[in-house]
N, C-alpha and C. Protein backbone atom coordinates (compact mmCIF):
# COMPACT_ATOMS: atom_id res chain seq x y z
N UNK A 1 0.85 -1.18 0.00
CA UNK A 1 0.00 0.00 0.00
C UNK A 1 0.89 1.23 0.00
N UNK A 2 0.56 2.18 -0.88
CA UNK A 2 1.37 3.39 -1.00
C UNK A 2 0.84 4.50 -0.08
N UNK A 3 1.72 5.40 0.36
CA UNK A 3 1.29 6.49 1.24
C UNK A 3 0.23 7.39 0.63
N UNK A 4 0.20 7.49 -0.72
CA UNK A 4 -0.78 8.37 -1.36
C UNK A 4 -2.05 7.65 -1.80
N UNK A 5 -2.15 6.34 -1.55
CA UNK A 5 -3.40 5.62 -1.84
C UNK A 5 -4.53 6.24 -1.03
N UNK A 6 -5.72 6.28 -1.63
CA UNK A 6 -6.89 6.89 -0.98
C UNK A 6 -8.03 5.87 -0.90
N UNK A 7 -8.10 5.16 0.23
CA UNK A 7 -9.15 4.14 0.36
C UNK A 7 -10.54 4.75 0.39
N UNK A 8 -11.51 3.96 -0.04
CA UNK A 8 -12.90 4.38 -0.03
C UNK A 8 -13.77 3.21 0.43
N UNK A 9 -14.90 3.52 1.04
CA UNK A 9 -15.82 2.49 1.51
C UNK A 9 -16.49 1.79 0.33
N UNK A 10 -16.79 0.52 0.50
CA UNK A 10 -17.61 -0.18 -0.47
C UNK A 10 -19.07 0.02 -0.06
N UNK A 11 -19.99 -0.37 -0.90
CA UNK A 11 -21.41 -0.23 -0.55
C UNK A 11 -22.01 -1.57 -0.11
N UNK A 12 -21.16 -2.51 0.25
CA UNK A 12 -21.60 -3.85 0.59
C UNK A 12 -22.27 -3.93 1.97
N UNK A 13 -21.93 -3.03 2.88
CA UNK A 13 -22.36 -3.14 4.27
C UNK A 13 -23.34 -2.04 4.67
N UNK A 14 -24.27 -2.41 5.52
CA UNK A 14 -25.11 -1.44 6.22
C UNK A 14 -24.34 -1.02 7.45
N UNK A 15 -24.34 0.27 7.76
CA UNK A 15 -23.49 0.80 8.82
C UNK A 15 -24.34 1.42 9.92
N UNK A 16 -23.98 1.09 11.16
CA UNK A 16 -24.63 1.71 12.33
C UNK A 16 -23.53 2.25 13.23
N UNK A 17 -23.51 3.56 13.41
CA UNK A 17 -22.49 4.20 14.23
C UNK A 17 -22.98 4.31 15.66
N UNK A 18 -22.21 3.72 16.58
CA UNK A 18 -22.58 3.73 17.99
C UNK A 18 -21.65 4.63 18.80
N UNK A 19 -21.02 5.59 18.18
CA UNK A 19 -20.11 6.57 18.78
C UNK A 19 -18.75 5.98 19.12
N UNK A 20 -18.68 4.95 19.95
CA UNK A 20 -17.39 4.35 20.29
C UNK A 20 -17.06 3.16 19.38
N UNK A 21 -18.08 2.63 18.74
CA UNK A 21 -17.91 1.48 17.86
C UNK A 21 -18.76 1.69 16.61
N UNK A 22 -18.47 0.88 15.63
CA UNK A 22 -19.25 0.90 14.41
C UNK A 22 -19.67 -0.53 14.12
N UNK A 23 -20.93 -0.74 13.82
CA UNK A 23 -21.42 -2.08 13.50
C UNK A 23 -21.72 -2.10 12.00
N UNK A 24 -21.15 -3.09 11.33
CA UNK A 24 -21.36 -3.26 9.89
C UNK A 24 -22.08 -4.58 9.68
N UNK A 25 -23.09 -4.56 8.83
CA UNK A 25 -23.86 -5.77 8.53
C UNK A 25 -23.80 -6.06 7.05
N UNK A 26 -23.41 -7.28 6.71
CA UNK A 26 -23.37 -7.73 5.33
C UNK A 26 -24.62 -8.58 5.09
N UNK A 27 -25.59 -8.03 4.38
CA UNK A 27 -26.86 -8.73 4.14
C UNK A 27 -26.66 -10.00 3.33
N UNK A 28 -25.66 -10.01 2.46
CA UNK A 28 -25.41 -11.18 1.63
C UNK A 28 -24.96 -12.39 2.45
N UNK A 29 -23.99 -12.17 3.32
CA UNK A 29 -23.46 -13.28 4.13
C UNK A 29 -24.14 -13.39 5.49
N UNK A 30 -24.95 -12.40 5.84
CA UNK A 30 -25.63 -12.33 7.13
C UNK A 30 -24.64 -12.25 8.30
N UNK A 31 -23.50 -11.58 8.06
CA UNK A 31 -22.47 -11.44 9.09
C UNK A 31 -22.38 -9.99 9.56
N UNK A 32 -22.06 -9.86 10.85
CA UNK A 32 -21.81 -8.56 11.46
C UNK A 32 -20.32 -8.41 11.71
N UNK A 33 -19.86 -7.19 11.62
CA UNK A 33 -18.50 -6.84 12.03
C UNK A 33 -18.62 -5.65 12.95
N UNK A 34 -17.95 -5.70 14.09
CA UNK A 34 -17.94 -4.58 15.02
C UNK A 34 -16.54 -3.98 14.99
N UNK A 35 -16.47 -2.70 14.67
CA UNK A 35 -15.19 -2.00 14.60
C UNK A 35 -14.98 -1.20 15.88
N UNK A 36 -13.84 -1.43 16.51
CA UNK A 36 -13.53 -0.67 17.73
C UNK A 36 -13.21 0.78 17.35
N UNK A 37 -12.84 1.57 18.34
CA UNK A 37 -12.63 3.00 18.12
C UNK A 37 -11.57 3.29 17.06
N UNK A 38 -10.49 2.54 17.07
CA UNK A 38 -9.42 2.78 16.10
C UNK A 38 -9.87 2.43 14.69
N UNK A 39 -10.46 1.25 14.52
CA UNK A 39 -10.95 0.85 13.21
C UNK A 39 -12.06 1.79 12.74
N UNK A 40 -12.91 2.21 13.66
CA UNK A 40 -14.00 3.14 13.35
C UNK A 40 -13.44 4.43 12.77
N UNK A 41 -12.42 4.97 13.43
CA UNK A 41 -11.84 6.24 12.98
C UNK A 41 -11.28 6.11 11.56
N UNK A 42 -10.58 5.03 11.29
CA UNK A 42 -10.05 4.81 9.95
C UNK A 42 -11.19 4.67 8.95
N UNK A 43 -12.18 3.82 9.25
CA UNK A 43 -13.30 3.58 8.34
C UNK A 43 -14.02 4.88 8.00
N UNK A 44 -14.29 5.69 8.98
CA UNK A 44 -15.04 6.92 8.75
C UNK A 44 -14.31 7.88 7.82
N UNK A 45 -12.99 7.77 7.75
CA UNK A 45 -12.21 8.65 6.88
C UNK A 45 -11.83 8.00 5.56
N UNK A 46 -12.34 6.82 5.30
CA UNK A 46 -12.10 6.15 4.00
C UNK A 46 -13.15 6.68 3.01
N UNK A 47 -12.87 7.86 2.51
CA UNK A 47 -13.84 8.55 1.66
C UNK A 47 -13.27 8.88 0.28
N UNK A 48 -12.09 8.33 -0.02
CA UNK A 48 -11.46 8.63 -1.29
C UNK A 48 -10.74 9.97 -1.30
N UNK A 49 -10.88 10.74 -0.24
CA UNK A 49 -10.23 12.04 -0.12
C UNK A 49 -8.98 11.97 0.76
N UNK A 50 -8.99 11.05 1.73
CA UNK A 50 -7.88 10.93 2.68
C UNK A 50 -6.92 9.83 2.23
N UNK A 51 -5.65 10.17 2.20
CA UNK A 51 -4.61 9.20 1.83
C UNK A 51 -4.22 8.36 3.04
N UNK A 52 -3.42 7.34 2.80
CA UNK A 52 -2.88 6.53 3.89
C UNK A 52 -2.09 7.43 4.84
N UNK A 53 -1.33 8.37 4.31
CA UNK A 53 -0.61 9.32 5.16
C UNK A 53 -1.58 10.14 6.01
N UNK A 54 -2.68 10.59 5.41
CA UNK A 54 -3.69 11.35 6.16
C UNK A 54 -4.26 10.50 7.30
N UNK A 55 -4.58 9.25 6.99
CA UNK A 55 -5.16 8.37 8.00
C UNK A 55 -4.17 8.13 9.14
N UNK A 56 -2.90 8.02 8.80
CA UNK A 56 -1.87 7.86 9.83
C UNK A 56 -1.85 9.07 10.75
N UNK A 57 -1.88 10.26 10.16
CA UNK A 57 -1.88 11.49 10.98
C UNK A 57 -3.12 11.57 11.87
N UNK A 58 -4.25 11.11 11.37
CA UNK A 58 -5.48 11.12 12.17
C UNK A 58 -5.30 10.23 13.40
N UNK A 59 -4.71 9.06 13.22
CA UNK A 59 -4.48 8.17 14.38
C UNK A 59 -3.51 8.81 15.36
N UNK A 60 -2.48 9.45 14.87
CA UNK A 60 -1.52 10.12 15.76
C UNK A 60 -2.24 11.16 16.61
N UNK A 61 -3.10 11.96 15.99
CA UNK A 61 -3.82 13.01 16.71
C UNK A 61 -4.88 12.45 17.66
N UNK A 62 -5.69 11.51 17.17
CA UNK A 62 -6.82 11.03 17.96
C UNK A 62 -6.41 10.12 19.12
N UNK A 63 -5.36 9.34 18.92
CA UNK A 63 -5.00 8.33 19.92
C UNK A 63 -3.64 8.57 20.56
N UNK A 64 -3.03 9.70 20.21
CA UNK A 64 -1.76 10.10 20.81
C UNK A 64 -0.73 8.97 20.78
N UNK A 65 -0.52 8.42 19.59
CA UNK A 65 0.50 7.39 19.39
C UNK A 65 1.58 7.96 18.48
N UNK A 66 2.76 7.33 18.50
CA UNK A 66 3.83 7.81 17.65
C UNK A 66 3.52 7.46 16.19
N UNK A 67 4.18 8.15 15.28
CA UNK A 67 3.87 8.02 13.86
C UNK A 67 4.15 6.61 13.32
N UNK A 68 5.24 5.99 13.76
CA UNK A 68 5.55 4.66 13.22
C UNK A 68 4.51 3.62 13.66
N UNK A 69 4.04 3.72 14.89
CA UNK A 69 2.98 2.83 15.37
C UNK A 69 1.69 3.09 14.61
N UNK A 70 1.37 4.36 14.43
CA UNK A 70 0.15 4.73 13.71
C UNK A 70 0.19 4.25 12.26
N UNK A 71 1.35 4.37 11.60
CA UNK A 71 1.46 3.92 10.21
C UNK A 71 1.28 2.41 10.12
N UNK A 72 1.94 1.68 11.00
CA UNK A 72 1.81 0.22 11.02
C UNK A 72 0.35 -0.17 11.25
N UNK A 73 -0.27 0.44 12.25
CA UNK A 73 -1.67 0.13 12.56
C UNK A 73 -2.60 0.49 11.40
N UNK A 74 -2.36 1.63 10.77
CA UNK A 74 -3.20 2.07 9.64
C UNK A 74 -3.14 1.05 8.51
N UNK A 75 -1.95 0.61 8.17
CA UNK A 75 -1.80 -0.36 7.08
C UNK A 75 -2.43 -1.70 7.45
N UNK A 76 -2.23 -2.15 8.68
CA UNK A 76 -2.85 -3.41 9.13
C UNK A 76 -4.37 -3.31 9.09
N UNK A 77 -4.90 -2.20 9.56
CA UNK A 77 -6.36 -1.99 9.57
C UNK A 77 -6.90 -1.97 8.14
N UNK A 78 -6.25 -1.21 7.28
CA UNK A 78 -6.72 -1.14 5.89
C UNK A 78 -6.65 -2.50 5.21
N UNK A 79 -5.57 -3.24 5.44
CA UNK A 79 -5.48 -4.59 4.87
C UNK A 79 -6.64 -5.46 5.33
N UNK A 80 -6.97 -5.39 6.60
CA UNK A 80 -8.08 -6.17 7.15
C UNK A 80 -9.41 -5.74 6.54
N UNK A 81 -9.62 -4.44 6.44
CA UNK A 81 -10.88 -3.93 5.88
C UNK A 81 -11.00 -4.27 4.39
N UNK A 82 -9.89 -4.26 3.68
CA UNK A 82 -9.89 -4.64 2.27
C UNK A 82 -10.21 -6.12 2.12
N UNK A 83 -9.60 -6.96 2.95
CA UNK A 83 -9.88 -8.40 2.91
C UNK A 83 -11.36 -8.71 3.14
N UNK A 84 -12.00 -7.91 3.99
CA UNK A 84 -13.42 -8.12 4.29
C UNK A 84 -14.33 -7.40 3.28
N UNK A 85 -13.74 -6.75 2.30
CA UNK A 85 -14.46 -5.97 1.29
C UNK A 85 -15.29 -4.85 1.90
N UNK A 86 -14.75 -4.28 2.98
CA UNK A 86 -15.37 -3.14 3.63
C UNK A 86 -14.89 -1.85 2.99
N UNK A 87 -13.62 -1.82 2.61
CA UNK A 87 -13.07 -0.70 1.85
C UNK A 87 -12.31 -1.25 0.65
N UNK A 88 -11.99 -0.35 -0.27
CA UNK A 88 -11.18 -0.72 -1.43
C UNK A 88 -10.20 0.41 -1.70
N UNK A 89 -9.13 0.07 -2.39
CA UNK A 89 -8.16 1.07 -2.81
C UNK A 89 -8.00 0.92 -4.31
N UNK A 90 -8.36 1.96 -5.01
CA UNK A 90 -8.21 1.94 -6.46
C UNK A 90 -6.88 2.58 -6.80
N UNK A 91 -6.28 2.11 -7.89
CA UNK A 91 -5.01 2.66 -8.32
C UNK A 91 -5.18 4.13 -8.69
N UNK A 92 -4.26 4.95 -8.22
CA UNK A 92 -4.32 6.38 -8.54
C UNK A 92 -3.79 6.60 -9.96
N UNK A 93 -4.09 7.77 -10.50
CA UNK A 93 -3.61 8.12 -11.85
C UNK A 93 -2.09 8.05 -11.92
N UNK A 94 -1.42 8.54 -10.88
CA UNK A 94 0.04 8.56 -10.87
C UNK A 94 0.63 7.15 -10.90
N UNK A 95 -0.04 6.21 -10.25
CA UNK A 95 0.46 4.83 -10.18
C UNK A 95 0.31 4.12 -11.51
N UNK A 96 -0.66 4.51 -12.31
CA UNK A 96 -0.91 3.81 -13.55
C UNK A 96 -0.07 4.32 -14.72
N UNK A 97 0.66 5.42 -14.50
CA UNK A 97 1.49 5.95 -15.59
C UNK A 97 2.92 5.51 -15.47
């Protein structure tokens, strides 16, 4: 995953925000996923506007962690969300040239 990648939510899940957690429901598989505060914060900013670097900075600010920990956590979280088809990362114009 590149620092300038901009993840975005998929439309596969119904979302219920409970302030400290986020509950996602996949009607197709009938499965729920509960995102804790850290995953919630990342998910809410996966709007195609925020880059991986932006998401890292958000974790640093919101959870008062060092940048290297936040970057590692951001990438692990995004990888997990991508595997579950909760978010996706499309190739940017710069990457395709």
